[in-house]
């Protein structure tokens, strides 16, 4: 079985913005046929990022697929989105990376994700490292946190 390809960590900052590099990777990998089962654009961190940046998701997707470096894509985001100041970017990124389940429904989804990871690894949920944030669940799922 080929080794799984993962997008960058949501913790990898691009222009100080959490998840932006991961979002770029998800677009590229999805269109290369390497990831299909990821939540994409309309939910989760992708949606929060798009809303925060004030960009058109489809236009950004087309820009990413046209090619270019991370820096060129960051320039596009800054030219085509809202203009948060540096402090707002820092606060938003910290908030995104610190976010955990906020209600009972989200806690169930969080536990379900942990169960899926444990099942994939053939271990019990209790044997997984303790995590409290959605970003850490992603890290755990993609084997950056063991």
C-alpha atoms as a PDB file:
ATOM      1  CA  UNK A   1       0.000   0.000   0.000  1.00  0.00           C
ATOM      2  CA  UNK A   2       1.477   3.413  -0.918  1.00  0.00           C
ATOM      3  CA  UNK A   3       2.355   5.761   1.897  1.00  0.00           C
ATOM      4  CA  UNK A   4      -0.428   8.221   2.680  1.00  0.00           C
ATOM      5  CA  UNK A   5       0.142  11.787   1.522  1.00  0.00           C
ATOM      6  CA  UNK A   6      -0.998  14.431   3.967  1.00  0.00           C
ATOM      7  CA  UNK A   7      -1.435  18.158   3.654  1.00  0.00           C
ATOM      8  CA  UNK A   8       0.668  20.374   5.887  1.00  0.00           C
ATOM      9  CA  UNK A   9      -0.176  20.737   9.538  1.00  0.00           C
ATOM     10  CA  UNK A  10      -2.793  23.380  10.376  1.00  0.00           C
ATOM     11  CA  UNK A  11      -0.150  24.649  12.822  1.00  0.00           C
ATOM     12  CA  UNK A  12       2.222  25.563   9.972  1.00  0.00           C
ATOM     13  CA  UNK A  13       1.797  29.317   9.572  1.00  0.00           C
ATOM     14  CA  UNK A  14       1.871  31.036   6.191  1.00  0.00           C
ATOM     15  CA  UNK A  15       2.062  34.800   6.501  1.00  0.00           C
ATOM     16  CA  UNK A  16       1.272  34.238  10.172  1.00  0.00           C
ATOM     17  CA  UNK A  17      -2.013  32.560   9.214  1.00  0.00           C
ATOM     18  CA  UNK A  18      -2.803  29.120  10.639  1.00  0.00           C
ATOM     19  CA  UNK A  19      -4.227  26.533   8.227  1.00  0.00           C
ATOM     20  CA  UNK A  20      -3.568  28.553   5.036  1.00  0.00           C
ATOM     21  CA  UNK A  21      -0.683  26.332   3.922  1.00  0.00           C
ATOM     22  CA  UNK A  22      -2.747  23.248   4.718  1.00  0.00           C
ATOM     23  CA  UNK A  23      -5.661  24.604   2.699  1.00  0.00           C
ATOM     24  CA  UNK A  24      -3.356  25.170  -0.289  1.00  0.00           C
ATOM     25  CA  UNK A  25      -2.029  21.611   0.075  1.00  0.00           C
ATOM     26  CA  UNK A  26      -5.557  20.189   0.298  1.00  0.00           C
ATOM     27  CA  UNK A  27      -6.526  21.889  -2.961  1.00  0.00           C
ATOM     28  CA  UNK A  28      -3.418  20.622  -4.740  1.00  0.00           C
ATOM     29  CA  UNK A  29      -3.623  17.077  -3.351  1.00  0.00           C
ATOM     30  CA  UNK A  30      -7.342  16.758  -3.984  1.00  0.00           C
ATOM     31  CA  UNK A  31      -6.991  17.789  -7.605  1.00  0.00           C
ATOM     32  CA  UNK A  32      -4.052  15.396  -8.009  1.00  0.00           C
ATOM     33  CA  UNK A  33      -6.376  12.610  -6.811  1.00  0.00           C
ATOM     34  CA  UNK A  34      -4.305  11.974  -3.683  1.00  0.00           C
ATOM     35  CA  UNK A  35      -6.919  12.885  -1.057  1.00  0.00           C
ATOM     36  CA  UNK A  36     -10.647  12.472  -1.515  1.00  0.00           C
ATOM     37  CA  UNK A  37     -12.019  11.842   1.952  1.00  0.00           C
ATOM     38  CA  UNK A  38     -11.058  15.179   3.497  1.00  0.00           C
ATOM     39  CA  UNK A  39     -13.646  17.761   4.476  1.00  0.00           C
ATOM     40  CA  UNK A  40     -13.158  20.415   1.895  1.00  0.00           C
ATOM     41  CA  UNK A  41     -13.868  24.137   1.582  1.00  0.00           C
ATOM     42  CA  UNK A  42     -17.408  24.259   2.980  1.00  0.00           C
ATOM     43  CA  UNK A  43     -16.825  22.974   6.525  1.00  0.00           C
ATOM     44  CA  UNK A  44     -14.407  23.011   9.426  1.00  0.00           C
ATOM     45  CA  UNK A  45     -11.110  24.878   9.376  1.00  0.00           C
ATOM     46  CA  UNK A  46     -11.382  25.530   5.616  1.00  0.00           C
ATOM     47  CA  UNK A  47     -14.656  27.398   6.089  1.00  0.00           C
ATOM     48  CA  UNK A  48     -13.370  29.357   9.095  1.00  0.00           C
ATOM     49  CA  UNK A  49     -10.282  30.346   7.107  1.00  0.00           C
ATOM     50  CA  UNK A  50     -12.239  31.432   4.029  1.00  0.00           C
ATOM     51  CA  UNK A  51     -14.636  33.445   6.189  1.00  0.00           C
ATOM     52  CA  UNK A  52     -11.776  35.066   8.139  1.00  0.00           C
ATOM     53  CA  UNK A  53      -9.832  35.986   5.005  1.00  0.00           C
ATOM     54  CA  UNK A  54     -12.954  37.132   3.162  1.00  0.00           C
ATOM     55  CA  UNK A  55     -11.927  35.368  -0.037  1.00  0.00           C
ATOM     56  CA  UNK A  56     -14.000  33.578  -2.648  1.00  0.00           C
ATOM     57  CA  UNK A  57     -13.227  29.880  -2.157  1.00  0.00           C
ATOM     58  CA  UNK A  58     -13.727  28.934  -5.797  1.00  0.00           C
ATOM     59  CA  UNK A  59     -11.590  31.809  -7.060  1.00  0.00           C
ATOM     60  CA  UNK A  60      -8.835  30.859  -4.614  1.00  0.00           C
ATOM     61  CA  UNK A  61      -9.045  27.219  -5.640  1.00  0.00           C
ATOM     62  CA  UNK A  62      -8.608  28.230  -9.283  1.00  0.00           C
ATOM     63  CA  UNK A  63      -5.675  30.493  -8.354  1.00  0.00           C
ATOM     64  CA  UNK A  64      -3.956  27.641  -6.476  1.00  0.00           C
ATOM     65  CA  UNK A  65      -4.489  25.262  -9.388  1.00  0.00           C
ATOM     66  CA  UNK A  66      -2.993  27.830 -11.783  1.00  0.00           C
ATOM     67  CA  UNK A  67       0.296  27.330  -9.925  1.00  0.00           C
ATOM     68  CA  UNK A  68       2.606  29.520  -7.939  1.00  0.00           C
ATOM     69  CA  UNK A  69       4.529  29.578  -4.706  1.00  0.00           C
ATOM     70  CA  UNK A  70       3.030  29.904  -1.247  1.00  0.00           C
ATOM     71  CA  UNK A  71       4.242  33.510  -1.212  1.00  0.00           C
ATOM     72  CA  UNK A  72       2.478  34.272  -4.518  1.00  0.00           C
ATOM     73  CA  UNK A  73      -0.725  32.724  -3.188  1.00  0.00           C
ATOM     74  CA  UNK A  74      -0.400  34.767   0.014  1.00  0.00           C
ATOM     75  CA  UNK A  75      -0.110  37.930  -2.108  1.00  0.00           C
ATOM     76  CA  UNK A  76      -3.328  36.891  -3.913  1.00  0.00           C
ATOM     77  CA  UNK A  77      -5.118  36.370  -0.578  1.00  0.00           C
ATOM     78  CA  UNK A  78      -4.050  39.803   0.662  1.00  0.00           C
ATOM     79  CA  UNK A  79      -5.090  41.458  -2.607  1.00  0.00           C
ATOM     80  CA  UNK A  80      -8.463  39.697  -2.893  1.00  0.00           C
ATOM     81  CA  UNK A  81      -9.634  39.378   0.700  1.00  0.00           C
ATOM     82  CA  UNK A  82     -10.253  41.527   3.705  1.00  0.00           C
ATOM     83  CA  UNK A  83      -7.273  43.203   5.308  1.00  0.00           C
ATOM     84  CA  UNK A  84      -6.947  42.020   8.923  1.00  0.00           C
ATOM     85  CA  UNK A  85      -4.126  43.637  10.850  1.00  0.00           C
ATOM     86  CA  UNK A  86      -1.288  41.587  12.285  1.00  0.00           C
ATOM     87  CA  UNK A  87      -2.815  41.391  15.766  1.00  0.00           C
ATOM     88  CA  UNK A  88      -6.133  40.136  14.386  1.00  0.00           C
ATOM     89  CA  UNK A  89      -4.291  37.460  12.378  1.00  0.00           C
ATOM     90  CA  UNK A  90      -2.360  36.357  15.477  1.00  0.00           C
ATOM     91  CA  UNK A  91      -5.505  36.190  17.608  1.00  0.00           C
ATOM     92  CA  UNK A  92      -7.476  34.329  14.939  1.00  0.00           C
ATOM     93  CA  UNK A  93      -4.690  31.801  14.355  1.00  0.00           C
ATOM     94  CA  UNK A  94      -4.210  31.190  18.080  1.00  0.00           C
ATOM     95  CA  UNK A  95      -7.961  30.799  18.527  1.00  0.00           C
ATOM     96  CA  UNK A  96      -8.240  28.327  15.656  1.00  0.00           C
ATOM     97  CA  UNK A  97      -5.375  26.203  16.940  1.00  0.00           C
ATOM     98  CA  UNK A  98      -6.696  26.244  20.518  1.00  0.00           C
ATOM     99  CA  UNK A  99     -10.276  25.372  19.549  1.00  0.00           C
ATOM    100  CA  UNK A 100     -11.808  22.257  20.988  1.00  0.00           C
ATOM    101  CA  UNK A 101     -15.350  20.942  20.979  1.00  0.00           C
ATOM    102  CA  UNK A 102     -17.728  23.627  22.228  1.00  0.00           C
ATOM    103  CA  UNK A 103     -20.932  21.665  22.806  1.00  0.00           C
ATOM    104  CA  UNK A 104     -22.193  18.130  23.320  1.00  0.00           C
ATOM    105  CA  UNK A 105     -22.635  17.445  19.614  1.00  0.00           C
ATOM    106  CA  UNK A 106     -19.074  18.600  18.918  1.00  0.00           C
ATOM    107  CA  UNK A 107     -17.764  16.503  21.832  1.00  0.00           C
ATOM    108  CA  UNK A 108     -19.386  13.433  20.263  1.00  0.00           C
ATOM    109  CA  UNK A 109     -17.799  14.228  16.859  1.00  0.00           C
ATOM    110  CA  UNK A 110     -14.455  14.738  18.629  1.00  0.00           C
ATOM    111  CA  UNK A 111     -14.715  11.361  20.377  1.00  0.00           C
ATOM    112  CA  UNK A 112     -15.833   9.696  17.126  1.00  0.00           C
ATOM    113  CA  UNK A 113     -12.730  11.070  15.361  1.00  0.00           C
ATOM    114  CA  UNK A 114     -10.531   9.711  18.153  1.00  0.00           C
ATOM    115  CA  UNK A 115     -12.246   6.331  17.835  1.00  0.00           C
ATOM    116  CA  UNK A 116     -11.618   6.317  14.067  1.00  0.00           C
ATOM    117  CA  UNK A 117      -7.928   7.071  14.626  1.00  0.00           C
ATOM    118  CA  UNK A 118      -7.625   4.371  17.262  1.00  0.00           C
ATOM    119  CA  UNK A 119      -9.362   1.868  14.973  1.00  0.00           C
ATOM    120  CA  UNK A 120      -7.006   2.743  12.079  1.00  0.00           C
ATOM    121  CA  UNK A 121      -4.053   2.165  14.405  1.00  0.00           C
ATOM    122  CA  UNK A 122      -5.520  -0.987  15.911  1.00  0.00           C
ATOM    123  CA  UNK A 123      -5.346   0.394  19.435  1.00  0.00           C
ATOM    124  CA  UNK A 124      -7.776   1.575  22.099  1.00  0.00           C
ATOM    125  CA  UNK A 125      -8.776   5.224  22.362  1.00  0.00           C
ATOM    126  CA  UNK A 126      -7.294   5.254  25.852  1.00  0.00           C
ATOM    127  CA  UNK A 127      -3.854   4.420  24.452  1.00  0.00           C
ATOM    128  CA  UNK A 128      -3.814   7.506  22.201  1.00  0.00           C
ATOM    129  CA  UNK A 129      -2.026  10.618  23.460  1.00  0.00           C
ATOM    130  CA  UNK A 130      -4.443  12.952  25.240  1.00  0.00           C
ATOM    131  CA  UNK A 131      -5.667  15.718  22.933  1.00  0.00           C
ATOM    132  CA  UNK A 132      -8.097  18.570  23.549  1.00  0.00           C
ATOM    133  CA  UNK A 133      -8.034  20.573  20.305  1.00  0.00           C
ATOM    134  CA  UNK A 134      -9.261  19.887  16.782  1.00  0.00           C
ATOM    135  CA  UNK A 135      -5.786  20.782  15.476  1.00  0.00           C
ATOM    136  CA  UNK A 136      -4.260  18.061  17.665  1.00  0.00           C
ATOM    137  CA  UNK A 137      -6.812  15.539  16.385  1.00  0.00           C
ATOM    138  CA  UNK A 138      -5.599  16.343  12.857  1.00  0.00           C
ATOM    139  CA  UNK A 139      -1.974  15.996  13.991  1.00  0.00           C
ATOM    140  CA  UNK A 140      -2.777  12.656  15.623  1.00  0.00           C
ATOM    141  CA  UNK A 141      -4.691  11.389  12.594  1.00  0.00           C
ATOM    142  CA  UNK A 142      -1.875  12.312  10.213  1.00  0.00           C
ATOM    143  CA  UNK A 143       0.820  10.755  12.410  1.00  0.00           C
ATOM    144  CA  UNK A 144       2.540  14.019  13.350  1.00  0.00           C
ATOM    145  CA  UNK A 145       1.524  13.387  16.944  1.00  0.00           C
ATOM    146  CA  UNK A 146       2.083   9.915  18.280  1.00  0.00           C
END
